[in-house]
Amino acid sequence: MRKDENIPTDEKLQKVLAREGVGSRREMERVIAAGRVSVNGQQAKLGDRVKHTDTVTVDGRRIKLQAPQSNPIRVILYNKPEGEICSRSDPEGRPTVYEKLPELKGERWISVGRLDFNTSGLLLFTNNGDLANKLMHPSSMIDREYLVRIQGQVDDDMKQRLRDGVMLEDGTAKFSDIQDGSGEGSNRWFYCVVMEGRNREVRRLWESQGVKVSRLKRVRYGNIFIPSHVRVGQWIELNHKEMSELCVTAGVQPPRPSPSSRQKDMDRDRHLKRLRSKGPRRKK
């Protein structure tokens, strides 16, 4: 049997759109039901199946379809600096996170969530839309850990309120954990964990208590931490073991080791050596 004989030639439309990073399957079902998707010039309906050779548009925009499982799953970790946006382009000319990422042939990097312009730290990218959507979906219950510097007085009662939950404009939100970091008085650092990826959620939670967030950095996403050798503005590709663990966390079938994955791990090791060889940055 050829290795691709068990790959279906057609798949459900919403599944294909989710894999291409257009949105989650449920979102795509709503978009299809609203009549915003066409296949080969005809309005699509729920239940339609498509091949990667079909012409699919969403709101008039052509979606380039990849053959199912034609490309191995890849995930990279980027240590985002402050002052970059998470869009592919910006009318104001501000730098974007995509400018420093490695190029893909016939594919594109899909961001696993976003970080604000003034937020730094761990940002994951993958070439697999299904994995990206499952990593972001609230049902996956994947925690995100942040290091935050607070200006203002923080006491035990405030921390307990934030653990119990406070009402924001888009519903109740809370930290699943808060731990003291460093600093004293009105300029202290804390580690805090959320289970969702709402817009500016960490900042809004703290600000609901009358204190100000002066620095914010994401340090962990699920089981993935920022390695100490990956400096701000640098990226690294996850090796096969890390990526497989991430897939299991998201409920996605992890890929099997292959000659190409072993080659990528060797390429990653060489990339790591280059990063380490640059040494620490000199202060200006």
Protein backbone atom coordinates (compact mmCIF):
# COMPACT_ATOMS: atom_id res chain seq x y z
CA MET A 1 0.00 0.00 0.00
CA ARG A 2 1.32 3.45 -0.88
CA LYS A 3 1.70 5.74 2.16
CA ASP A 4 -0.95 8.16 0.85
CA GLU A 5 -3.62 5.59 -0.08
CA ASN A 6 -5.49 6.20 3.19
CA ILE A 7 -5.62 9.99 2.71
CA PRO A 8 -9.15 11.03 1.66
CA THR A 9 -9.48 12.78 -1.69
CA ASP A 10 -12.27 14.99 -0.38
CA GLU A 11 -13.15 16.34 3.05
CA LYS A 12 -15.84 18.38 4.76
CA LEU A 13 -15.63 22.02 3.76
CA GLN A 14 -15.53 23.38 7.32
CA LYS A 15 -12.67 21.02 8.20
CA VAL A 16 -10.63 22.15 5.20
CA LEU A 17 -11.18 25.85 5.97
CA ALA A 18 -10.20 25.30 9.61
CA ARG A 19 -7.01 23.51 8.55
CA GLU A 20 -6.12 26.48 6.34
CA GLY A 21 -6.39 28.77 9.38
CA VAL A 22 -9.51 30.68 8.29
CA GLY A 23 -11.24 29.95 11.60
CA SER A 24 -12.44 27.15 13.85
CA ARG A 25 -14.74 24.44 12.49
CA ARG A 26 -17.73 25.88 14.34
CA GLU A 27 -16.98 29.36 13.02
CA MET A 28 -16.72 27.98 9.50
CA GLU A 29 -20.04 26.18 9.87
CA ARG A 30 -21.67 29.53 10.72
CA VAL A 31 -19.92 31.25 7.81
CA ILE A 32 -21.08 28.52 5.39
CA ALA A 33 -24.64 28.64 6.72
CA ALA A 34 -24.64 32.43 6.22
CA GLY A 35 -23.92 31.94 2.51
CA ARG A 36 -20.49 33.56 2.63
CA VAL A 37 -18.60 30.62 1.08
CA SER A 38 -18.57 29.47 -2.53
CA VAL A 39 -17.09 26.36 -4.15
CA ASN A 40 -16.27 26.48 -7.85
CA GLY A 41 -18.48 29.51 -8.26
CA GLN A 42 -21.51 28.04 -6.47
CA GLN A 43 -22.75 29.01 -3.03
CA ALA A 44 -21.68 26.34 -0.55
CA LYS A 45 -23.94 24.64 1.97
CA LEU A 46 -23.33 22.64 5.12
CA GLY A 47 -22.39 19.07 4.28
CA ASP A 48 -20.43 19.97 1.14
CA ARG A 49 -17.16 18.16 0.61
CA VAL A 50 -14.25 19.58 -1.34
CA LYS A 51 -10.93 18.52 -2.84
CA HIS A 52 -7.78 20.57 -2.63
CA THR A 53 -8.12 21.23 -6.37
CA ASP A 54 -11.49 23.00 -5.92
CA THR A 55 -11.78 26.80 -6.00
CA VAL A 56 -13.04 27.99 -2.61
CA THR A 57 -13.73 31.60 -1.63
CA VAL A 58 -14.79 33.15 1.68
CA ASP A 59 -16.35 36.60 1.45
CA GLY A 60 -15.00 36.77 -2.09
CA ARG A 61 -11.40 35.97 -1.05
CA ARG A 62 -9.77 32.91 -2.67
CA ILE A 63 -8.52 30.38 -0.13
CA LYS A 64 -5.57 28.37 -1.36
CA LEU A 65 -6.13 24.74 -0.35
CA GLN A 66 -3.33 22.34 0.47
CA ALA A 67 -3.63 18.62 -0.18
CA PRO A 68 -4.59 16.86 3.11
CA GLN A 69 -1.51 15.83 5.10
CA SER A 70 0.69 16.82 2.19
CA ASN A 71 2.87 18.91 4.49
CA PRO A 72 4.22 17.73 7.86
CA ILE A 73 3.16 19.72 10.92
CA ARG A 74 5.66 22.35 11.96
CA VAL A 75 5.64 24.63 15.01
CA ILE A 76 7.98 27.49 15.82
CA LEU A 77 8.39 29.54 18.98
CA TYR A 78 9.04 33.27 18.61
CA ASN A 79 10.18 35.50 21.47
CA LYS A 80 8.19 38.59 20.54
CA PRO A 81 9.56 42.01 21.49
CA GLU A 82 7.39 44.94 22.45
CA GLY A 83 6.55 47.18 19.51
CA GLU A 84 5.51 44.51 16.98
CA ILE A 85 1.95 43.75 15.87
CA CYS A 86 0.52 40.29 15.22
CA SER A 87 -1.01 41.15 11.83
CA ARG A 88 0.64 40.25 8.53
CA SER A 89 0.75 43.91 7.50
CA ASP A 90 0.03 47.27 9.08
CA PRO A 91 -1.27 50.41 7.31
CA GLU A 92 0.74 52.47 9.81
CA GLY A 93 3.96 50.77 8.77
CA ARG A 94 4.70 49.24 12.17
CA PRO A 95 6.85 46.09 12.23
CA THR A 96 4.99 42.77 12.36
CA VAL A 97 5.89 39.46 13.99
CA TYR A 98 5.89 37.75 10.58
CA GLU A 99 8.87 39.73 9.26
CA LYS A 100 11.44 37.70 11.20
CA LEU A 101 9.95 34.25 10.69
CA PRO A 102 11.49 31.66 8.34
CA GLU A 103 9.92 31.45 4.90
CA LEU A 104 7.56 28.63 3.94
CA LYS A 105 7.13 27.33 0.39
CA GLY A 106 3.47 27.05 -0.63
CA GLU A 107 2.29 27.48 2.97
CA ARG A 108 1.94 30.21 5.57
CA TRP A 109 2.57 30.53 9.28
CA ILE A 110 -0.59 30.71 11.41
CA SER A 111 -0.35 32.51 14.74
CA VAL A 112 -1.57 30.62 17.81
CA GLY A 113 -3.35 33.56 19.41
CA ARG A 114 -1.96 37.05 19.60
CA LEU A 115 0.01 39.35 21.86
CA ASP A 116 -0.66 43.06 22.19
CA PHE A 117 1.65 45.65 20.65
CA ASN A 118 3.13 46.39 24.09
CA THR A 119 3.25 42.76 25.26
CA SER A 120 6.33 40.61 24.75
CA GLY A 121 7.17 36.95 25.09
CA LEU A 122 6.20 33.53 23.80
CA LEU A 123 4.24 33.34 20.57
CA LEU A 124 3.68 30.05 18.75
CA PHE A 125 3.22 29.64 14.99
CA THR A 126 2.26 26.55 13.02
CA ASN A 127 1.59 25.64 9.40
CA ASN A 128 -1.42 23.55 10.47
CA GLY A 129 -4.71 25.40 10.88
CA ASP A 130 -6.44 22.56 12.76
CA LEU A 131 -3.68 22.48 15.38
CA ALA A 132 -3.72 26.28 15.72
CA ASN A 133 -7.47 26.40 16.26
CA LYS A 134 -7.47 23.60 18.84
CA LEU A 135 -4.61 25.21 20.74
CA MET A 136 -6.64 28.44 20.94
CA HIS A 137 -10.08 26.99 21.62
CA PRO A 138 -11.31 27.42 25.24
CA SER A 139 -12.47 23.78 25.34
CA SER A 140 -8.82 22.67 25.16
CA MET A 141 -8.24 24.25 28.60
CA ILE A 142 -4.62 25.15 27.83
CA ASP A 143 -3.11 27.55 30.35
CA ARG A 144 -1.03 30.60 29.47
CA GLU A 145 1.42 31.98 32.02
CA TYR A 146 2.49 35.62 32.13
CA LEU A 147 5.07 37.62 34.05
CA VAL A 148 3.58 41.00 34.89
CA ARG A 149 4.92 44.12 36.64
CA ILE A 150 2.30 45.96 38.64
CA GLN A 151 2.34 49.59 39.72
CA GLY A 152 0.14 49.93 42.77
CA GLN A 153 -0.52 48.14 46.02
CA VAL A 154 -1.42 44.44 45.74
CA ASP A 155 -2.64 42.57 48.80
CA ASP A 156 -3.90 39.05 49.48
CA ASP A 157 -7.55 40.11 49.23
CA MET A 158 -6.98 41.51 45.73
CA LYS A 159 -5.24 38.34 44.59
CA GLN A 160 -8.08 36.23 45.97
CA ARG A 161 -10.67 38.31 44.12
CA LEU A 162 -8.73 37.80 40.90
CA ARG A 163 -8.65 34.04 41.52
CA ASP A 164 -12.36 33.92 42.33
CA GLY A 165 -13.32 35.90 39.23
CA VAL A 166 -14.32 39.46 38.40
CA MET A 167 -16.86 40.77 35.91
CA LEU A 168 -15.38 42.38 32.80
CA GLU A 169 -17.27 43.89 29.87
CA ASP A 170 -17.21 40.52 28.04
CA GLY A 171 -18.08 38.34 31.02
CA THR A 172 -16.48 36.87 34.13
CA ALA A 173 -12.74 36.28 34.00
CA LYS A 174 -10.17 35.08 36.50
CA PHE A 175 -6.61 33.91 37.08
CA SER A 176 -6.28 30.21 37.81
CA ASP A 177 -3.08 30.99 39.72
CA ILE A 178 -1.09 34.00 40.94
CA GLN A 179 2.41 33.73 42.42
CA ASP A 180 4.66 36.48 43.75
CA GLY A 181 7.72 37.29 41.67
CA SER A 182 10.30 39.90 42.61
CA GLY A 183 10.20 43.55 43.64
CA GLU A 184 8.74 45.39 46.58
CA GLY A 185 6.14 48.01 47.42
CA SER A 186 4.22 49.52 44.50
CA ASN A 187 6.47 48.09 41.77
CA ARG A 188 6.23 44.31 42.00
CA TRP A 189 6.34 41.35 39.61
CA PHE A 190 3.83 38.50 39.61
CA TYR A 191 3.35 35.26 37.68
CA CYS A 192 -0.28 34.76 36.70
CA VAL A 193 -2.09 32.10 34.67
CA VAL A 194 -5.22 32.32 32.49
CA MET A 195 -7.05 29.52 30.69
CA GLU A 196 -8.38 31.63 27.81
CA GLY A 197 -7.00 33.97 25.19
CA ARG A 198 -9.38 36.93 25.42
CA ASN A 199 -8.27 40.31 24.12
CA ARG A 200 -6.08 42.09 26.72
CA GLU A 201 -7.47 39.78 29.41
CA VAL A 202 -4.48 39.90 31.76
CA ARG A 203 -4.24 43.69 31.64
CA ARG A 204 -7.99 44.14 32.10
CA LEU A 205 -8.09 41.79 35.08
CA TRP A 206 -5.41 43.73 36.97
CA GLU A 207 -6.81 47.11 35.94
CA SER A 208 -10.23 46.09 37.31
CA GLN A 209 -8.57 46.29 40.74
CA GLY A 210 -7.31 49.84 40.28
CA VAL A 211 -3.66 48.99 39.62
CA LYS A 212 -1.58 49.52 36.46
CA VAL A 213 0.28 46.97 34.34
CA SER A 214 3.64 48.49 33.34
CA ARG A 215 5.25 45.38 31.77
CA LEU A 216 3.73 42.16 30.48
CA LYS A 217 5.48 39.10 29.09
CA ARG A 218 4.10 35.66 28.23
CA VAL A 219 6.50 32.98 29.46
CA ARG A 220 4.56 29.74 28.87
CA TYR A 221 1.86 28.27 26.61
CA GLY A 222 0.73 24.85 27.82
CA ASN A 223 3.87 22.73 28.16
CA ILE A 224 6.05 25.11 26.12
CA PHE A 225 8.36 27.59 27.87
CA ILE A 226 10.69 30.20 26.33
CA PRO A 227 14.18 28.68 26.33
CA SER A 228 16.73 30.94 28.01
CA HIS A 229 18.92 30.98 24.89
CA VAL A 230 16.16 32.32 22.62
CA ARG A 231 16.50 36.06 23.03
CA VAL A 232 13.93 38.72 22.24
CA GLY A 233 13.31 38.86 18.48
CA GLN A 234 14.58 35.32 17.86
CA TRP A 235 12.71 32.14 16.92
CA ILE A 236 13.31 28.42 17.17
CA GLU A 237 11.49 25.41 15.70
CA LEU A 238 10.12 22.85 18.16
CA ASN A 239 11.71 19.43 17.87
CA HIS A 240 9.63 16.32 17.22
CA LYS A 241 9.21 15.45 20.93
CA GLU A 242 8.06 18.97 21.89
CA MET A 243 5.71 19.19 18.94
CA SER A 244 4.20 15.76 19.64
CA GLU A 245 3.54 16.72 23.27
CA LEU A 246 1.89 19.93 22.09
CA CYS A 247 -0.32 17.99 19.66
CA VAL A 248 -1.41 15.62 22.44
CA THR A 249 -2.24 18.62 24.65
CA ALA A 250 -4.42 20.05 21.86
CA GLY A 251 -6.08 16.70 21.07
CA VAL A 252 -4.46 16.41 17.64
CA GLN A 253 -2.93 13.17 16.38
CA PRO A 254 0.85 13.68 16.72
CA PRO A 255 2.90 13.02 13.60
CA ARG A 256 5.10 9.95 13.38
CA PRO A 257 8.87 10.39 13.22
CA SER A 258 10.12 10.49 9.66
CA PRO A 259 13.40 11.16 7.86
CA SER A 260 12.20 14.73 7.25
CA SER A 261 11.39 15.28 10.94
CA ARG A 262 14.81 13.96 11.94
CA GLN A 263 16.39 16.30 9.40
CA LYS A 264 14.41 19.22 10.84
CA ASP A 265 15.65 18.32 14.35
CA MET A 266 19.22 18.42 13.07
CA ASP A 267 18.53 21.76 11.37
CA ARG A 268 17.09 23.01 14.67
CA ASP A 269 20.25 21.97 16.54
CA ARG A 270 22.37 23.90 14.03
CA HIS A 271 20.08 26.91 14.41
CA LEU A 272 20.47 26.66 18.21
CA LYS A 273 24.25 26.67 17.88
CA ARG A 274 24.08 29.82 15.78
CA LEU A 275 21.88 31.52 18.36
CA ARG A 276 24.21 30.55 21.19
CA SER A 277 27.31 31.58 19.26
CA LYS A 278 26.04 35.14 19.05
CA GLY A 279 26.43 35.42 22.80
CA PRO A 280 24.67 37.92 25.07
CA ARG A 281 23.79 41.32 23.73
CA ARG A 282 26.06 44.16 24.66
CA LYS A 283 24.49 47.07 26.41
CA LYS A 284 24.65 50.28 24.44
